[in-house]
Amino acid sequence: MRREVASLTKMMTLLTVIKLLARFNINPLKTFITITKAASIVTGTTANLRQSDVLTIEQLQYGMMLPSGNDAAYTLAEYLG
């Protein structure tokens, strides 16, 4: 049976973010990211992020995992990718 992989993708995005933070010694509590227009219009489940919102990496991690926010995942991938 085919299944959607969106949540698995977000889990792998989170793991990648955690590894990059450790590798480059980035503090997720003190690093702020501005939400882009592209991230704010991502479809699917979201954390209701709006263009020009400013959040820490930690806040985006929570937004990606708790409400399964595609917009938060996109923002992290865009910033760290």
PDB file of N, CA and C in Angstrom:
ATOM      1  N   MET A   1       0.834  -1.166   0.000  1.00  0.00           N
ATOM      2  CA  MET A   1       0.000   0.000   0.000  1.00  0.00           C
ATOM      3  C   MET A   1       0.888   1.243   0.000  1.00  0.00           C
ATOM      4  N   ARG A   2       0.591   2.183  -0.876  1.00  0.00           N
ATOM      5  CA  ARG A   2       1.346   3.436  -0.935  1.00  0.00           C
ATOM      6  C   ARG A   2       0.959   4.335   0.228  1.00  0.00           C
ATOM      7  N   ARG A   3       1.944   5.014   0.755  1.00  0.00           N
ATOM      8  CA  ARG A   3       1.726   5.953   1.862  1.00  0.00           C
ATOM      9  C   ARG A   3       2.430   7.267   1.540  1.00  0.00           C
ATOM     10  N   GLU A   4       1.891   8.348   2.083  1.00  0.00           N
ATOM     11  CA  GLU A   4       2.539   9.650   1.953  1.00  0.00           C
ATOM     12  C   GLU A   4       3.799   9.658   2.825  1.00  0.00           C
ATOM     13  N   VAL A   5       4.832  10.342   2.361  1.00  0.00           N
ATOM     14  CA  VAL A   5       6.096  10.376   3.093  1.00  0.00           C
ATOM     15  C   VAL A   5       6.408  11.751   3.683  1.00  0.00           C
ATOM     16  N   ALA A   6       5.425  12.633   3.677  1.00  0.00           N
ATOM     17  CA  ALA A   6       5.680  14.006   4.121  1.00  0.00           C
ATOM     18  C   ALA A   6       6.230  14.072   5.541  1.00  0.00           C
ATOM     19  N   SER A   7       5.651  13.337   6.470  1.00  0.00           N
ATOM     20  CA  SER A   7       6.147  13.391   7.852  1.00  0.00           C
ATOM     21  C   SER A   7       7.534  12.782   7.967  1.00  0.00           C
ATOM     22  N   LEU A   8       7.808  11.746   7.210  1.00  0.00           N
ATOM     23  CA  LEU A   8       9.162  11.181   7.205  1.00  0.00           C
ATOM     24  C   LEU A   8      10.163  12.199   6.669  1.00  0.00           C
ATOM     25  N   THR A   9       9.759  12.930   5.663  1.00  0.00           N
ATOM     26  CA  THR A   9      10.628  13.967   5.105  1.00  0.00           C
ATOM     27  C   THR A   9      10.920  15.032   6.155  1.00  0.00           C
ATOM     28  N   LYS A  10       9.921  15.425   6.919  1.00  0.00           N
ATOM     29  CA  LYS A  10      10.131  16.424   7.975  1.00  0.00           C
ATOM     30  C   LYS A  10      11.039  15.874   9.072  1.00  0.00           C
ATOM     31  N   MET A  11      10.897  14.605   9.402  1.00  0.00           N
ATOM     32  CA  MET A  11      11.791  14.017  10.407  1.00  0.00           C
ATOM     33  C   MET A  11      13.239  14.020   9.921  1.00  0.00           C
ATOM     34  N   MET A  12      13.437  13.711   8.654  1.00  0.00           N
ATOM     35  CA  MET A  12      14.795  13.732   8.101  1.00  0.00           C
ATOM     36  C   MET A  12      15.319  15.165   8.013  1.00  0.00           C
ATOM     37  N   THR A  13      14.437  16.104   7.711  1.00  0.00           N
ATOM     38  CA  THR A  13      14.838  17.517   7.700  1.00  0.00           C
ATOM     39  C   THR A  13      15.284  17.934   9.090  1.00  0.00           C
ATOM     40  N   LEU A  14      14.527  17.536  10.123  1.00  0.00           N
ATOM     41  CA  LEU A  14      14.899  17.856  11.505  1.00  0.00           C
ATOM     42  C   LEU A  14      16.253  17.252  11.853  1.00  0.00           C
ATOM     43  N   LEU A  15      16.461  15.999  11.507  1.00  0.00           N
ATOM     44  CA  LEU A  15      17.744  15.347  11.790  1.00  0.00           C
ATOM     45  C   LEU A  15      18.890  16.074  11.083  1.00  0.00           C
ATOM     46  N   THR A  16      18.671  16.450   9.848  1.00  0.00           N
ATOM     47  CA  THR A  16      19.698  17.171   9.094  1.00  0.00           C
ATOM     48  C   THR A  16      19.981  18.524   9.736  1.00  0.00           C
ATOM     49  N   VAL A  17      18.938  19.233  10.156  1.00  0.00           N
ATOM     50  CA  VAL A  17      19.113  20.526  10.821  1.00  0.00           C
ATOM     51  C   VAL A  17      19.924  20.355  12.103  1.00  0.00           C
ATOM     52  N   ILE A  18      19.591  19.366  12.906  1.00  0.00           N
ATOM     53  CA  ILE A  18      20.315  19.123  14.163  1.00  0.00           C
ATOM     54  C   ILE A  18      21.787  18.856  13.894  1.00  0.00           C
ATOM     55  N   LYS A  19      22.069  18.053  12.874  1.00  0.00           N
ATOM     56  CA  LYS A  19      23.471  17.743  12.537  1.00  0.00           C
ATOM     57  C   LYS A  19      24.216  18.972  12.029  1.00  0.00           C
ATOM     58  N   LEU A  20      23.556  19.793  11.214  1.00  0.00           N
ATOM     59  CA  LEU A  20      24.200  21.014  10.716  1.00  0.00           C
ATOM     60  C   LEU A  20      24.456  22.009  11.840  1.00  0.00           C
ATOM     61  N   LEU A  21      23.515  22.128  12.770  1.00  0.00           N
ATOM     62  CA  LEU A  21      23.712  23.030  13.909  1.00  0.00           C
ATOM     63  C   LEU A  21      24.935  22.619  14.719  1.00  0.00           C
ATOM     64  N   ALA A  22      25.068  21.323  14.946  1.00  0.00           N
ATOM     65  CA  ALA A  22      26.221  20.823  15.701  1.00  0.00           C
ATOM     66  C   ALA A  22      27.513  21.010  14.917  1.00  0.00           C
ATOM     67  N   ARG A  23      27.470  20.702  13.642  1.00  0.00           N
ATOM     68  CA  ARG A  23      28.680  20.775  12.810  1.00  0.00           C
ATOM     69  C   ARG A  23      29.229  22.197  12.708  1.00  0.00           C
ATOM     70  N   PHE A  24      28.332  23.166  12.569  1.00  0.00           N
ATOM     71  CA  PHE A  24      28.762  24.546  12.386  1.00  0.00           C
ATOM     72  C   PHE A  24      28.611  25.395  13.651  1.00  0.00           C
ATOM     73  N   ASN A  25      28.344  24.719  14.766  1.00  0.00           N
ATOM     74  CA  ASN A  25      28.232  25.375  16.072  1.00  0.00           C
ATOM     75  C   ASN A  25      27.253  26.549  16.035  1.00  0.00           C
ATOM     76  N   ILE A  26      26.063  26.295  15.513  1.00  0.00           N
ATOM     77  CA  ILE A  26      25.012  27.307  15.413  1.00  0.00           C
ATOM     78  C   ILE A  26      24.071  27.147  16.606  1.00  0.00           C
ATOM     79  N   ASN A  27      23.819  28.232  17.299  1.00  0.00           N
ATOM     80  CA  ASN A  27      22.921  28.209  18.450  1.00  0.00           C
ATOM     81  C   ASN A  27      21.482  28.399  17.960  1.00  0.00           C
ATOM     82  N   PRO A  28      20.626  27.377  18.096  1.00  0.00           N
ATOM     83  CA  PRO A  28      19.252  27.480  17.593  1.00  0.00           C
ATOM     84  C   PRO A  28      18.379  28.465  18.367  1.00  0.00           C
ATOM     85  N   LEU A  29      18.828  28.886  19.554  1.00  0.00           N
ATOM     86  CA  LEU A  29      18.064  29.851  20.344  1.00  0.00           C
ATOM     87  C   LEU A  29      18.411  31.295  19.995  1.00  0.00           C
ATOM     88  N   LYS A  30      19.576  31.486  19.364  1.00  0.00           N
ATOM     89  CA  LYS A  30      20.044  32.844  19.075  1.00  0.00           C
ATOM     90  C   LYS A  30      20.158  33.138  17.586  1.00  0.00           C
ATOM     91  N   THR A  31      19.740  32.202  16.763  1.00  0.00           N
ATOM     92  CA  THR A  31      19.800  32.407  15.318  1.00  0.00           C
ATOM     93  C   THR A  31      18.387  32.652  14.814  1.00  0.00           C
ATOM     94  N   PHE A  32      18.178  33.825  14.252  1.00  0.00           N
ATOM     95  CA  PHE A  32      16.851  34.242  13.804  1.00  0.00           C
ATOM     96  C   PHE A  32      16.755  34.156  12.287  1.00  0.00           C
ATOM     97  N   ILE A  33      15.602  33.717  11.823  1.00  0.00           N
ATOM     98  CA  ILE A  33      15.361  33.565  10.386  1.00  0.00           C
ATOM     99  C   ILE A  33      14.076  34.307  10.038  1.00  0.00           C
ATOM    100  N   THR A  34      14.132  35.049   8.933  1.00  0.00           N
ATOM    101  CA  THR A  34      12.953  35.752   8.435  1.00  0.00           C
ATOM    102  C   THR A  34      12.237  34.862   7.422  1.00  0.00           C
ATOM    103  N   ILE A  35      10.951  34.724   7.571  1.00  0.00           N
ATOM    104  CA  ILE A  35      10.152  33.879   6.689  1.00  0.00           C
ATOM    105  C   ILE A  35      10.021  34.549   5.319  1.00  0.00           C
ATOM    106  N   THR A  36      10.331  33.798   4.278  1.00  0.00           N
ATOM    107  CA  THR A  36      10.239  34.317   2.914  1.00  0.00           C
ATOM    108  C   THR A  36       8.826  34.127   2.361  1.00  0.00           C
ATOM    109  N   LYS A  37       8.549  34.802   1.278  1.00  0.00           N
ATOM    110  CA  LYS A  37       7.250  34.644   0.622  1.00  0.00           C
ATOM    111  C   LYS A  37       7.058  33.205   0.179  1.00  0.00           C
ATOM    112  N   ALA A  38       8.111  32.606  -0.394  1.00  0.00           N
ATOM    113  CA  ALA A  38       8.023  31.221  -0.868  1.00  0.00           C
ATOM    114  C   ALA A  38       7.638  30.272   0.264  1.00  0.00           C
ATOM    115  N   ALA A  39       8.230  30.462   1.440  1.00  0.00           N
ATOM    116  CA  ALA A  39       7.916  29.605   2.587  1.00  0.00           C
ATOM    117  C   ALA A  39       6.495  29.847   3.087  1.00  0.00           C
ATOM    118  N   SER A  40       6.046  31.089   3.020  1.00  0.00           N
ATOM    119  CA  SER A  40       4.727  31.424   3.567  1.00  0.00           C
ATOM    120  C   SER A  40       3.570  30.897   2.720  1.00  0.00           C
ATOM    121  N   ILE A  41       3.836  30.530   1.471  1.00  0.00           N
ATOM    122  CA  ILE A  41       2.757  30.038   0.609  1.00  0.00           C
ATOM    123  C   ILE A  41       2.851  28.540   0.325  1.00  0.00           C
ATOM    124  N   VAL A  42       3.705  27.840   1.061  1.00  0.00           N
ATOM    125  CA  VAL A  42       3.820  26.388   0.905  1.00  0.00           C
ATOM    126  C   VAL A  42       2.478  25.743   1.242  1.00  0.00           C
ATOM    127  N   THR A  43       2.106  24.745   0.467  1.00  0.00           N
ATOM    128  CA  THR A  43       0.818  24.081   0.687  1.00  0.00           C
ATOM    129  C   THR A  43       0.937  22.927   1.682  1.00  0.00           C
ATOM    130  N   GLY A  44      -0.193  22.370   2.033  1.00  0.00           N
ATOM    131  CA  GLY A  44      -0.238  21.256   2.980  1.00  0.00           C
ATOM    132  C   GLY A  44      -0.385  21.773   4.401  1.00  0.00           C
ATOM    133  N   THR A  45      -0.022  20.941   5.357  1.00  0.00           N
ATOM    134  CA  THR A  45      -0.126  21.352   6.761  1.00  0.00           C
ATOM    135  C   THR A  45       0.909  22.431   7.044  1.00  0.00           C
ATOM    136  N   THR A  46       0.536  23.416   7.848  1.00  0.00           N
ATOM    137  CA  THR A  46       1.440  24.535   8.100  1.00  0.00           C
ATOM    138  C   THR A  46       1.451  24.913   9.574  1.00  0.00           C
ATOM    139  N   ALA A  47       2.436  25.740   9.905  1.00  0.00           N
ATOM    140  CA  ALA A  47       2.509  26.348  11.229  1.00  0.00           C
ATOM    141  C   ALA A  47       1.973  27.779  11.152  1.00  0.00           C
ATOM    142  N   ASN A  48       1.286  28.086  10.053  1.00  0.00           N
ATOM    143  CA  ASN A  48       0.694  29.414   9.816  1.00  0.00           C
ATOM    144  C   ASN A  48       1.715  30.542   9.857  1.00  0.00           C
ATOM    145  N   LEU A  49       2.874  30.292   9.264  1.00  0.00           N
ATOM    146  CA  LEU A  49       3.902  31.326   9.194  1.00  0.00           C
ATOM    147  C   LEU A  49       3.535  32.339   8.116  1.00  0.00           C
ATOM    148  N   ARG A  50       3.868  33.580   8.362  1.00  0.00           N
ATOM    149  CA  ARG A  50       3.574  34.663   7.418  1.00  0.00           C
ATOM    150  C   ARG A  50       4.885  35.298   6.949  1.00  0.00           C
ATOM    151  N   GLN A  51       4.863  35.770   5.722  1.00  0.00           N
ATOM    152  CA  GLN A  51       6.036  36.442   5.180  1.00  0.00           C
ATOM    153  C   GLN A  51       6.481  37.552   6.124  1.00  0.00           C
ATOM    154  N   SER A  52       7.776  37.633   6.338  1.00  0.00           N
ATOM    155  CA  SER A  52       8.438  38.631   7.204  1.00  0.00           C
ATOM    156  C   SER A  52       8.378  38.308   8.689  1.00  0.00           C
ATOM    157  N   ASP A  53       7.684  37.217   9.099  1.00  0.00           N
ATOM    158  CA  ASP A  53       7.796  36.771  10.489  1.00  0.00           C
ATOM    159  C   ASP A  53       9.267  36.466  10.762  1.00  0.00           C
ATOM    160  N   VAL A  54       9.702  36.678  11.984  1.00  0.00           N
ATOM    161  CA  VAL A  54      11.077  36.367  12.374  1.00  0.00           C
ATOM    162  C   VAL A  54      11.014  35.395  13.546  1.00  0.00           C
ATOM    163  N   LEU A  55      11.633  34.219  13.359  1.00  0.00           N
ATOM    164  CA  LEU A  55      11.622  33.183  14.393  1.00  0.00           C
ATOM    165  C   LEU A  55      13.024  32.609  14.567  1.00  0.00           C
ATOM    166  N   THR A  56      13.235  31.999  15.733  1.00  0.00           N
ATOM    167  CA  THR A  56      14.513  31.312  15.947  1.00  0.00           C
ATOM    168  C   THR A  56      14.459  29.948  15.264  1.00  0.00           C
ATOM    169  N   ILE A  57      15.610  29.371  15.093  1.00  0.00           N
ATOM    170  CA  ILE A  57      15.672  28.019  14.535  1.00  0.00           C
ATOM    171  C   ILE A  57      14.903  27.051  15.426  1.00  0.00           C
ATOM    172  N   GLU A  58      15.036  27.202  16.738  1.00  0.00           N
ATOM    173  CA  GLU A  58      14.321  26.312  17.648  1.00  0.00           C
ATOM    174  C   GLU A  58      12.804  26.427  17.460  1.00  0.00           C
ATOM    175  N   GLN A  59      12.308  27.637  17.333  1.00  0.00           N
ATOM    176  CA  GLN A  59      10.873  27.826  17.118  1.00  0.00           C
ATOM    177  C   GLN A  59      10.423  27.158  15.812  1.00  0.00           C
ATOM    178  N   LEU A  60      11.250  27.264  14.790  1.00  0.00           N
ATOM    179  CA  LEU A  60      10.925  26.638  13.505  1.00  0.00           C
ATOM    180  C   LEU A  60      10.955  25.111  13.622  1.00  0.00           C
ATOM    181  N   GLN A  61      11.875  24.592  14.425  1.00  0.00           N
ATOM    182  CA  GLN A  61      11.909  23.144  14.634  1.00  0.00           C
ATOM    183  C   GLN A  61      10.603  22.669  15.281  1.00  0.00           C
ATOM    184  N   TYR A  62      10.153  23.387  16.289  1.00  0.00           N
ATOM    185  CA  TYR A  62       8.876  23.036  16.919  1.00  0.00           C
ATOM    186  C   TYR A  62       7.723  23.180  15.928  1.00  0.00           C
ATOM    187  N   GLY A  63       7.750  24.240  15.134  1.00  0.00           N
ATOM    188  CA  GLY A  63       6.705  24.456  14.137  1.00  0.00           C
ATOM    189  C   GLY A  63       6.674  23.388  13.063  1.00  0.00           C
ATOM    190  N   MET A  64       7.832  22.834  12.792  1.00  0.00           N
ATOM    191  CA  MET A  64       7.916  21.773  11.790  1.00  0.00           C
ATOM    192  C   MET A  64       7.393  20.453  12.343  1.00  0.00           C
ATOM    193  N   MET A  65       7.636  20.174  13.616  1.00  0.00           N
ATOM    194  CA  MET A  65       7.302  18.860  14.147  1.00  0.00           C
ATOM    195  C   MET A  65       5.941  18.787  14.850  1.00  0.00           C
ATOM    196  N   LEU A  66       5.538  19.813  15.580  1.00  0.00           N
ATOM    197  CA  LEU A  66       4.284  19.703  16.332  1.00  0.00           C
ATOM    198  C   LEU A  66       3.045  19.839  15.451  1.00  0.00           C
ATOM    199  N   PRO A  67       2.900  20.943  14.698  1.00  0.00           N
ATOM    200  CA  PRO A  67       1.731  20.984  13.808  1.00  0.00           C
ATOM    201  C   PRO A  67       2.057  20.403  12.431  1.00  0.00           C
ATOM    202  N   SER A  68       3.263  19.823  12.294  1.00  0.00           N
ATOM    203  CA  SER A  68       3.724  19.251  11.027  1.00  0.00           C
ATOM    204  C   SER A  68       3.780  20.321   9.937  1.00  0.00           C
ATOM    205  N   GLY A  69       4.385  21.460  10.287  1.00  0.00           N
ATOM    206  CA  GLY A  69       4.408  22.617   9.407  1.00  0.00           C
ATOM    207  C   GLY A  69       5.353  22.511   8.227  1.00  0.00           C
ATOM    208  N   ASN A  70       4.775  22.363   7.049  1.00  0.00           N
ATOM    209  CA  ASN A  70       5.581  22.361   5.825  1.00  0.00           C
ATOM    210  C   ASN A  70       6.290  23.700   5.641  1.00  0.00           C
ATOM    211  N   ASP A  71       5.650  24.788   6.060  1.00  0.00           N
ATOM    212  CA  ASP A  71       6.250  26.110   5.923  1.00  0.00           C
ATOM    213  C   ASP A  71       7.503  26.250   6.788  1.00  0.00           C
ATOM    214  N   ALA A  72       7.480  25.702   7.979  1.00  0.00           N
ATOM    215  CA  ALA A  72       8.650  25.745   8.857  1.00  0.00           C
ATOM    216  C   ALA A  72       9.778  24.866   8.304  1.00  0.00           C
ATOM    217  N   ALA A  73       9.427  23.701   7.796  1.00  0.00           N
ATOM    218  CA  ALA A  73      10.424  22.804   7.188  1.00  0.00           C
ATOM    219  C   ALA A  73      11.068  23.479   5.983  1.00  0.00           C
ATOM    220  N   TYR A  74      10.253  24.103   5.153  1.00  0.00           N
ATOM    221  CA  TYR A  74      10.752  24.804   3.973  1.00  0.00           C
ATOM    222  C   TYR A  74      11.711  25.920   4.373  1.00  0.00           C
ATOM    223  N   THR A  75      11.343  26.674   5.398  1.00  0.00           N
ATOM    224  CA  THR A  75      12.187  27.779   5.870  1.00  0.00           C
ATOM    225  C   THR A  75      13.538  27.280   6.330  1.00  0.00           C
ATOM    226  N   LEU A  76      13.556  26.211   7.120  1.00  0.00           N
ATOM    227  CA  LEU A  76      14.822  25.652   7.600  1.00  0.00           C
ATOM    228  C   LEU A  76      15.673  25.118   6.458  1.00  0.00           C
ATOM    229  N   ALA A  77      15.031  24.434   5.527  1.00  0.00           N
ATOM    230  CA  ALA A  77      15.773  23.892   4.376  1.00  0.00           C
ATOM    231  C   ALA A  77      16.322  25.019   3.513  1.00  0.00           C
ATOM    232  N   GLU A  78      15.532  26.057   3.347  1.00  0.00           N
ATOM    233  CA  GLU A  78      15.941  27.212   2.552  1.00  0.00           C
ATOM    234  C   GLU A  78      17.136  27.916   3.218  1.00  0.00           C
ATOM    235  N   TYR A  79      17.087  28.081   4.518  1.00  0.00           N
ATOM    236  CA  TYR A  79      18.134  28.795   5.250  1.00  0.00           C
ATOM    237  C   TYR A  79      19.431  27.979   5.356  1.00  0.00           C
ATOM    238  N   LEU A  80      19.297  26.703   5.699  1.00  0.00           N
ATOM    239  CA  LEU A  80      20.485  25.877   5.938  1.00  0.00           C
ATOM    240  C   LEU A  80      20.952  25.121   4.705  1.00  0.00           C
ATOM    241  N   GLY A  81      20.102  25.057   3.688  1.00  0.00           N
ATOM    242  CA  GLY A  81      20.440  24.312   2.478  1.00  0.00           C
ATOM    243  C   GLY A  81      21.312  25.121   1.583  1.00  0.00           C
TER     244      GLY A  81
END
